Amino acid sequence: MKIKPLDDRLLVEPIEEESKTASGLYIPDTAKEKPRIGKVIAVGTDEDLKEKVKEGDKILFAKYGGEEVETNGTSFKIIQRSDVLAVIED
């Protein structure tokens, strides 16, 4: 199944953070926060949004923003423009 976001929405694949601390301790899944950084998979039809965010960009999004969807065993989030906090540049 292919998901194509509409209007001012983005399809984002959340990026899991390290499960190990700097001192070498492993953090269990139950203690981890949900990812807030993700890779943009698809951009909606809003022309202004397409100029600012491109497919493949890394973004920081609101903690409780977006709607979770799963397809072919992969979890994604559909996020509105207002939930995008920043584009991360490496």
Protein backbone atom coordinates (compact mmCIF):
# COMPACT_ATOMS: atom_id res chain seq x y z
CA MET A 1 0.00 0.00 0.00
CA LYS A 2 1.32 3.47 -0.91
CA ILE A 3 0.44 6.45 1.28
CA LYS A 4 0.40 9.95 -0.25
CA PRO A 5 -0.32 12.80 2.17
CA LEU A 6 -2.65 15.63 1.14
CA ASP A 7 -2.62 19.40 1.71
CA ASP A 8 -0.19 20.54 4.45
CA ARG A 9 0.72 17.07 5.73
CA LEU A 10 3.93 15.04 5.67
CA LEU A 11 4.49 11.29 5.78
CA VAL A 12 7.37 10.74 8.21
CA GLU A 13 9.27 7.63 9.31
CA PRO A 14 10.26 8.14 12.97
CA ILE A 15 13.95 7.58 13.72
CA GLU A 16 14.59 5.57 16.87
CA GLU A 17 17.14 7.02 19.25
CA GLU A 18 20.02 5.08 20.76
CA SER A 19 18.89 2.58 23.36
CA LYS A 20 22.18 2.88 25.21
CA THR A 21 23.38 5.77 27.37
CA ALA A 22 26.84 7.31 27.09
CA SER A 23 27.94 5.29 30.11
CA GLY A 24 26.88 2.02 28.46
CA LEU A 25 23.54 1.35 30.19
CA TYR A 26 20.73 0.02 28.03
CA ILE A 27 17.37 1.77 28.21
CA PRO A 28 14.34 -0.58 28.05
CA ASP A 29 11.62 0.18 25.49
CA THR A 30 9.14 0.94 28.28
CA ALA A 31 11.33 3.79 29.57
CA LYS A 32 12.04 5.40 26.20
CA GLU A 33 10.19 8.42 24.92
CA LYS A 34 8.57 8.28 21.52
CA PRO A 35 10.84 9.50 18.72
CA ARG A 36 10.55 13.18 17.86
CA ILE A 37 12.90 13.11 14.89
CA GLY A 38 11.92 11.57 11.60
CA LYS A 39 12.79 11.25 7.93
CA VAL A 40 10.32 12.78 5.46
CA ILE A 41 9.05 10.10 3.10
CA ALA A 42 6.45 12.19 1.22
CA VAL A 43 5.23 15.80 1.19
CA GLY A 44 1.59 16.78 0.70
CA THR A 45 0.19 18.95 -2.10
CA ASP A 46 0.76 22.35 -0.44
CA GLU A 47 3.19 24.27 -2.72
CA ASP A 48 4.61 26.47 0.06
CA LEU A 49 5.36 23.39 2.20
CA LYS A 50 7.08 21.67 -0.74
CA GLU A 51 9.51 24.61 -0.97
CA LYS A 52 10.48 24.33 2.72
CA VAL A 53 10.54 20.57 3.29
CA LYS A 54 11.76 17.98 0.80
CA GLU A 55 11.61 14.19 0.73
CA GLY A 56 14.61 12.78 2.59
CA ASP A 57 14.89 15.74 5.02
CA LYS A 58 15.17 15.07 8.75
CA ILE A 59 12.66 17.00 10.85
CA LEU A 60 11.92 17.58 14.51
CA PHE A 61 8.19 17.31 15.24
CA ALA A 62 5.91 17.96 18.22
CA LYS A 63 5.93 15.31 20.96
CA TYR A 64 2.28 14.37 20.58
CA GLY A 65 1.87 15.51 16.98
CA GLY A 66 0.72 13.40 14.10
CA GLU A 67 -1.30 10.29 13.50
CA GLU A 68 0.40 6.90 13.58
CA VAL A 69 -0.09 4.53 10.64
CA GLU A 70 1.45 1.19 9.83
CA THR A 71 1.91 -0.37 6.43
CA ASN A 72 3.90 -3.46 5.42
CA GLY A 73 5.21 -3.77 8.99
CA THR A 74 6.69 -0.25 9.04
CA SER A 75 5.40 2.51 11.32
CA PHE A 76 4.91 6.02 9.96
CA LYS A 77 3.39 9.27 11.17
CA ILE A 78 1.25 11.66 9.18
CA ILE A 79 2.14 15.09 10.52
CA GLN A 80 0.55 18.46 9.85
CA ARG A 81 2.68 21.48 9.01
CA SER A 82 1.92 23.05 12.41
CA ASP A 83 3.52 20.05 14.19
CA VAL A 84 6.83 20.46 12.34
CA LEU A 85 9.19 22.34 14.66
CA ALA A 86 12.38 22.38 12.59
CA VAL A 87 14.30 20.89 9.67
CA ILE A 88 17.52 19.28 10.90
CA GLU A 89 20.61 20.02 8.84
CA ASP A 90 23.62 17.73 9.33
